Amino acid sequence: MTFENVADNLRESFRVVAASRSPGEVRELRGVSIASAGVTFQMFNAAFLSAPVPTEAELGQRILLPMLHFNSRGYEWSYWVCEDWMESRTRRKSRQIFERHGLRHSVDLPGMVAERLAPPVRPLPRLEMRRVGDAATRDAFCAIGSVCFHVPIAWFREVFDNDSVWERFAGYVGYKDGEPVSTAAVVMGGGAMGVYNVATFPEQQGRGYGETVMRHALADAQKAHGIERSILQSTPAGHRLYERMGYQTVTRVAVYAS
């Protein structure tokens, strides 16, 4: 398992979202992939490196290509950069190069892989699991995501409040005593199950709800596709949990935003 599997799955998750919307676009340029949902939330109008970057000048060209694409459409956008695509000297200078082109650094996310999950270290809580599909589960998924990722709920709904995205973006909501508390989603790609949108309402955190929903989502995907390997991009808050679950860091994804 290499960084390319992580990069491929991440790119595929955005392609699924982009392909689900009428203004969405999925394009392959020279060394750059574009998966744009055509939405207000700039993180879902995204570009990705898709081939090795040997020099600083080449990285500049890989930034200009999607910049021209998004500027011509009037979209705010983001660049999700799996840093192992870059030669070491270029990687060291990459932040300066992106910022010189008007893209501010947003966050660094460890790209993590587990060949199989480790058993839980403590008993997990019982939750009612519902796969996202109808209006109620979509509303719950968007409400939890908007709070936990600090995004206006209107932006979240613009991305996720349609039927077609849920055909391949397999989302789940966990309910405690009839109330939604936690979410997770799985996208297949790059020879692995990709885990996304693991989130729990702040007042419900620390009780194992996120791990419970995530394990349920992965178990469903494994049953459907026969794959045990999974990948994710970790936030700082989730890093220790994912290590306990058997994940190891294999790369780093830097996110830049216009």
Protein backbone atom coordinates (compact mmCIF):
# COMPACT_ATOMS: atom_id res chain seq x y z
CA MET A 1 0.00 0.00 0.00
CA THR A 2 1.54 3.33 -1.08
CA PHE A 3 0.66 6.99 -0.87
CA GLU A 4 -0.87 6.66 -4.35
CA ASN A 5 -3.69 4.51 -2.96
CA VAL A 6 -4.48 7.27 -0.47
CA ALA A 7 -4.31 9.92 -3.20
CA ASP A 8 -6.49 7.86 -5.56
CA ASN A 9 -9.20 7.26 -2.98
CA LEU A 10 -9.25 10.90 -1.89
CA ARG A 11 -9.59 12.02 -5.50
CA GLU A 12 -12.34 9.45 -6.13
CA SER A 13 -14.40 10.72 -3.19
CA PHE A 14 -14.48 14.18 -4.74
CA ARG A 15 -15.25 12.76 -8.17
CA VAL A 16 -18.30 11.00 -6.72
CA VAL A 17 -19.60 14.27 -5.31
CA ALA A 18 -18.82 16.26 -8.47
CA ALA A 19 -20.45 13.70 -10.75
CA SER A 20 -23.65 13.80 -8.69
CA ARG A 21 -24.38 17.45 -9.51
CA SER A 22 -25.45 19.01 -12.81
CA PRO A 23 -22.86 21.84 -12.60
CA GLY A 24 -20.17 19.39 -11.51
CA GLU A 25 -17.08 18.69 -13.61
CA VAL A 26 -14.48 15.91 -13.56
CA ARG A 27 -11.46 16.64 -15.74
CA GLU A 28 -7.92 15.35 -16.25
CA LEU A 29 -5.30 17.93 -17.19
CA ARG A 30 -1.53 17.43 -17.49
CA GLY A 31 -0.54 16.08 -14.10
CA VAL A 32 -3.62 17.56 -12.44
CA SER A 33 -7.08 16.17 -11.70
CA ILE A 34 -10.09 18.43 -11.20
CA ALA A 35 -13.23 17.34 -9.37
CA SER A 36 -15.47 20.37 -9.03
CA ALA A 37 -18.96 20.21 -7.58
CA GLY A 38 -19.65 23.79 -8.67
CA VAL A 39 -20.73 24.81 -5.16
CA THR A 40 -20.22 27.67 -2.71
CA PHE A 41 -18.16 25.48 -0.35
CA GLN A 42 -14.72 25.85 -1.94
CA MET A 43 -13.34 22.62 -0.49
CA PHE A 44 -15.54 20.70 -2.96
CA ASN A 45 -14.26 22.63 -5.99
CA ALA A 46 -10.98 20.75 -5.84
CA ALA A 47 -7.74 20.08 -7.68
CA PHE A 48 -5.27 17.25 -7.05
CA LEU A 49 -1.79 16.32 -8.23
CA SER A 50 -1.93 13.15 -10.33
CA ALA A 51 1.73 12.60 -11.32
CA PRO A 52 5.20 13.23 -9.87
CA VAL A 53 6.36 16.85 -9.61
CA PRO A 54 10.15 17.06 -10.15
CA THR A 55 10.79 20.82 -9.95
CA GLU A 56 9.48 24.04 -8.42
CA ALA A 57 8.74 25.42 -11.89
CA GLU A 58 6.65 22.34 -12.69
CA LEU A 59 4.67 22.79 -9.46
CA GLY A 60 3.94 26.35 -10.50
CA GLN A 61 2.53 25.06 -13.79
CA ARG A 62 0.39 22.49 -11.93
CA ILE A 63 -1.08 25.35 -9.89
CA LEU A 64 -1.77 27.59 -12.89
CA LEU A 65 -3.75 24.93 -14.78
CA PRO A 66 -6.57 24.53 -12.24
CA MET A 67 -6.39 28.24 -11.36
CA LEU A 68 -7.33 29.11 -14.94
CA HIS A 69 -10.10 26.51 -14.86
CA PHE A 70 -11.73 27.79 -11.67
CA ASN A 71 -11.16 31.49 -12.30
CA SER A 72 -12.89 31.22 -15.69
CA ARG A 73 -15.94 29.82 -13.90
CA GLY A 74 -15.89 32.26 -11.00
CA TYR A 75 -15.46 29.57 -8.31
CA GLU A 76 -13.53 29.70 -5.09
CA TRP A 77 -11.49 26.47 -4.97
CA SER A 78 -9.02 24.31 -3.10
CA TYR A 79 -5.94 22.22 -3.83
CA TRP A 80 -5.56 18.88 -1.99
CA VAL A 81 -1.88 17.99 -2.23
CA CYS A 82 -0.56 14.53 -1.41
CA GLU A 83 2.98 15.68 -0.70
CA ASP A 84 4.71 12.45 -1.77
CA TRP A 85 4.01 13.41 -5.39
CA MET A 86 6.70 16.10 -4.97
CA GLU A 87 10.48 15.73 -5.06
CA SER A 88 11.95 16.56 -1.65
CA ARG A 89 13.33 20.03 -2.48
CA THR A 90 10.10 21.02 -4.20
CA ARG A 91 8.15 19.74 -1.21
CA ARG A 92 10.16 21.95 1.15
CA LYS A 93 9.36 25.02 -0.96
CA SER A 94 5.79 24.03 -1.81
CA ARG A 95 3.99 26.15 0.77
CA GLN A 96 5.77 29.28 -0.44
CA ILE A 97 4.95 28.41 -4.05
CA PHE A 98 1.25 27.89 -3.35
CA GLU A 99 1.03 31.10 -1.34
CA ARG A 100 2.82 33.00 -4.12
CA HIS A 101 -0.03 31.92 -6.39
CA GLY A 102 -2.67 33.19 -3.96
CA LEU A 103 -3.54 29.90 -2.26
CA ARG A 104 -3.40 30.02 1.54
CA HIS A 105 -2.46 26.96 3.57
CA SER A 106 -5.52 25.61 5.36
CA VAL A 107 -4.55 22.36 7.10
CA ASP A 108 -2.22 19.35 7.02
CA LEU A 109 -3.91 15.96 7.24
CA PRO A 110 -2.03 12.70 7.90
CA GLY A 111 -2.95 10.13 5.25
CA MET A 112 -3.46 6.87 7.14
CA VAL A 113 -3.88 3.22 6.12
CA ALA A 114 -5.07 0.08 7.93
CA GLU A 115 -4.78 -3.32 6.27
CA ARG A 116 -7.45 -4.44 8.74
CA LEU A 117 -8.99 -2.87 11.81
CA ALA A 118 -7.71 -3.69 15.29
CA PRO A 119 -10.37 -4.84 17.79
CA PRO A 120 -11.96 -2.11 19.93
CA VAL A 121 -10.01 -1.37 23.12
CA ARG A 122 -13.25 -0.87 25.05
CA PRO A 123 -16.88 -1.95 24.64
CA LEU A 124 -18.60 0.25 22.10
CA PRO A 125 -22.02 1.84 22.70
CA ARG A 126 -25.14 0.55 21.01
CA LEU A 127 -26.55 2.88 18.38
CA GLU A 128 -29.31 2.58 15.83
CA MET A 129 -27.64 2.79 12.41
CA ARG A 130 -29.37 4.26 9.39
CA ARG A 131 -27.83 4.51 5.93
CA VAL A 132 -28.29 7.98 4.44
CA GLY A 133 -30.93 8.02 1.75
CA ASP A 134 -34.14 9.76 2.71
CA ALA A 135 -34.72 13.40 3.65
CA ALA A 136 -34.45 12.78 7.40
CA THR A 137 -31.07 11.04 7.25
CA ARG A 138 -29.73 13.61 4.78
CA ASP A 139 -30.80 16.41 7.13
CA ALA A 140 -29.12 14.69 10.08
CA PHE A 141 -25.91 14.05 8.13
CA CYS A 142 -25.73 17.69 7.03
CA ALA A 143 -26.58 19.07 10.47
CA ILE A 144 -23.85 17.07 12.21
CA GLY A 145 -21.30 17.85 9.49
CA SER A 146 -21.98 21.58 9.47
CA VAL A 147 -21.50 21.84 13.25
CA CYS A 148 -18.41 19.65 13.46
CA PHE A 149 -16.62 21.04 10.39
CA HIS A 150 -17.65 24.65 11.10
CA VAL A 151 -19.38 25.15 7.76
CA PRO A 152 -22.74 26.91 7.17
CA ILE A 153 -25.43 24.27 6.87
CA ALA A 154 -26.59 25.78 3.57
CA TRP A 155 -23.15 25.00 2.10
CA PHE A 156 -23.28 21.44 3.40
CA ARG A 157 -26.76 20.89 1.99
CA GLU A 158 -25.70 22.25 -1.40
CA VAL A 159 -23.13 19.43 -1.57
CA PHE A 160 -25.05 16.55 -0.01
CA ASP A 161 -28.79 17.21 -0.26
CA ASN A 162 -29.46 15.26 -3.45
CA ASP A 163 -30.28 11.63 -4.14
CA SER A 164 -27.57 10.71 -6.63
CA VAL A 165 -24.56 11.47 -4.40
CA TRP A 166 -25.64 8.71 -1.99
CA GLU A 167 -25.46 5.99 -4.65
CA ARG A 168 -21.66 5.76 -4.18
CA PHE A 169 -20.99 8.03 -1.20
CA ALA A 170 -22.23 5.55 1.41
CA GLY A 171 -23.16 7.66 4.43
CA TYR A 172 -24.40 6.51 7.83
CA VAL A 173 -25.99 8.24 10.81
CA GLY A 174 -25.93 6.78 14.31
CA TYR A 175 -28.92 7.47 16.57
CA LYS A 176 -29.03 7.35 20.37
CA ASP A 177 -32.50 7.23 21.91
CA GLY A 178 -33.95 8.33 18.57
CA GLU A 179 -31.68 11.38 18.18
CA PRO A 180 -28.88 11.64 15.57
CA VAL A 181 -25.46 11.90 17.22
CA SER A 182 -22.74 10.79 14.80
CA THR A 183 -21.89 10.18 11.13
CA ALA A 184 -19.41 8.40 8.89
CA ALA A 185 -19.17 7.66 5.17
CA VAL A 186 -17.24 5.27 2.92
CA VAL A 187 -16.15 5.66 -0.71
CA MET A 188 -14.49 2.85 -2.67
CA GLY A 189 -11.40 3.69 -4.72
CA GLY A 190 -7.67 3.10 -5.03
CA GLY A 191 -8.07 -0.52 -3.94
CA ALA A 192 -9.36 0.51 -0.52
CA MET A 193 -12.33 1.73 1.47
CA GLY A 194 -11.99 5.47 2.10
CA VAL A 195 -13.44 6.82 5.34
CA TYR A 196 -14.90 10.33 5.33
CA ASN A 197 -17.10 12.65 7.38
CA VAL A 198 -16.51 10.99 10.74
CA ALA A 199 -18.23 13.49 13.04
CA THR A 200 -20.08 13.57 16.36
CA PHE A 201 -22.03 16.45 17.88
CA PRO A 202 -19.65 18.15 20.38
CA GLU A 203 -21.84 17.47 23.40
CA GLN A 204 -21.87 13.76 22.54
CA GLN A 205 -18.14 13.30 21.96
CA GLY A 206 -15.91 11.02 24.03
CA ARG A 207 -18.50 8.23 24.24
CA GLY A 208 -17.32 6.07 21.32
CA TYR A 209 -20.13 7.06 18.95
CA GLY A 210 -17.84 8.05 16.07
CA GLU A 211 -15.89 4.79 16.24
CA THR A 212 -19.14 2.82 16.38
CA VAL A 213 -20.58 4.44 13.25
CA MET A 214 -17.24 4.21 11.43
CA ARG A 215 -16.84 0.50 12.17
CA HIS A 216 -20.42 -0.15 11.04
CA ALA A 217 -19.84 1.73 7.75
CA LEU A 218 -16.62 -0.19 7.06
CA ALA A 219 -18.24 -3.55 7.90
CA ASP A 220 -21.03 -2.87 5.39
CA ALA A 221 -18.52 -1.87 2.70
CA GLN A 222 -16.32 -4.90 3.37
CA LYS A 223 -19.32 -7.19 3.06
CA ALA A 224 -20.33 -5.58 -0.24
CA HIS A 225 -16.88 -5.34 -1.84
CA GLY A 226 -14.70 -7.96 -0.15
CA ILE A 227 -11.95 -5.48 0.78
CA GLU A 228 -10.45 -5.08 4.27
CA ARG A 229 -7.93 -2.30 3.60
CA SER A 230 -9.12 1.20 4.46
CA ILE A 231 -7.67 4.71 4.28
CA LEU A 232 -8.49 8.09 5.76
CA GLN A 233 -7.17 11.60 6.26
CA SER A 234 -7.03 12.32 9.96
CA THR A 235 -7.82 15.53 11.81
CA PRO A 236 -5.66 16.23 14.88
CA ALA A 237 -8.61 15.34 17.13
CA GLY A 238 -9.03 11.88 15.62
CA HIS A 239 -5.39 10.85 15.22
CA ARG A 240 -4.98 8.88 18.45
CA LEU A 241 -8.28 7.07 17.95
CA TYR A 242 -7.30 5.99 14.45
CA GLU A 243 -3.93 4.72 15.65
CA ARG A 244 -5.74 2.59 18.25
CA MET A 245 -7.94 1.24 15.48
CA GLY A 246 -4.87 0.05 13.56
CA TYR A 247 -4.15 2.94 11.18
CA GLN A 248 -0.61 4.03 10.31
CA THR A 249 0.45 7.29 8.68
CA VAL A 250 1.89 6.78 5.16
CA THR A 251 1.74 10.31 3.72
CA ARG A 252 0.58 13.84 4.38
CA VAL A 253 -2.13 15.79 2.56
CA ALA A 254 -1.74 19.56 2.59
CA VAL A 255 -4.87 21.57 1.78
CA TYR A 256 -4.71 25.04 0.23
CA ALA A 257 -7.65 27.33 -0.45
CA SER A 258 -8.24 30.33 -2.68
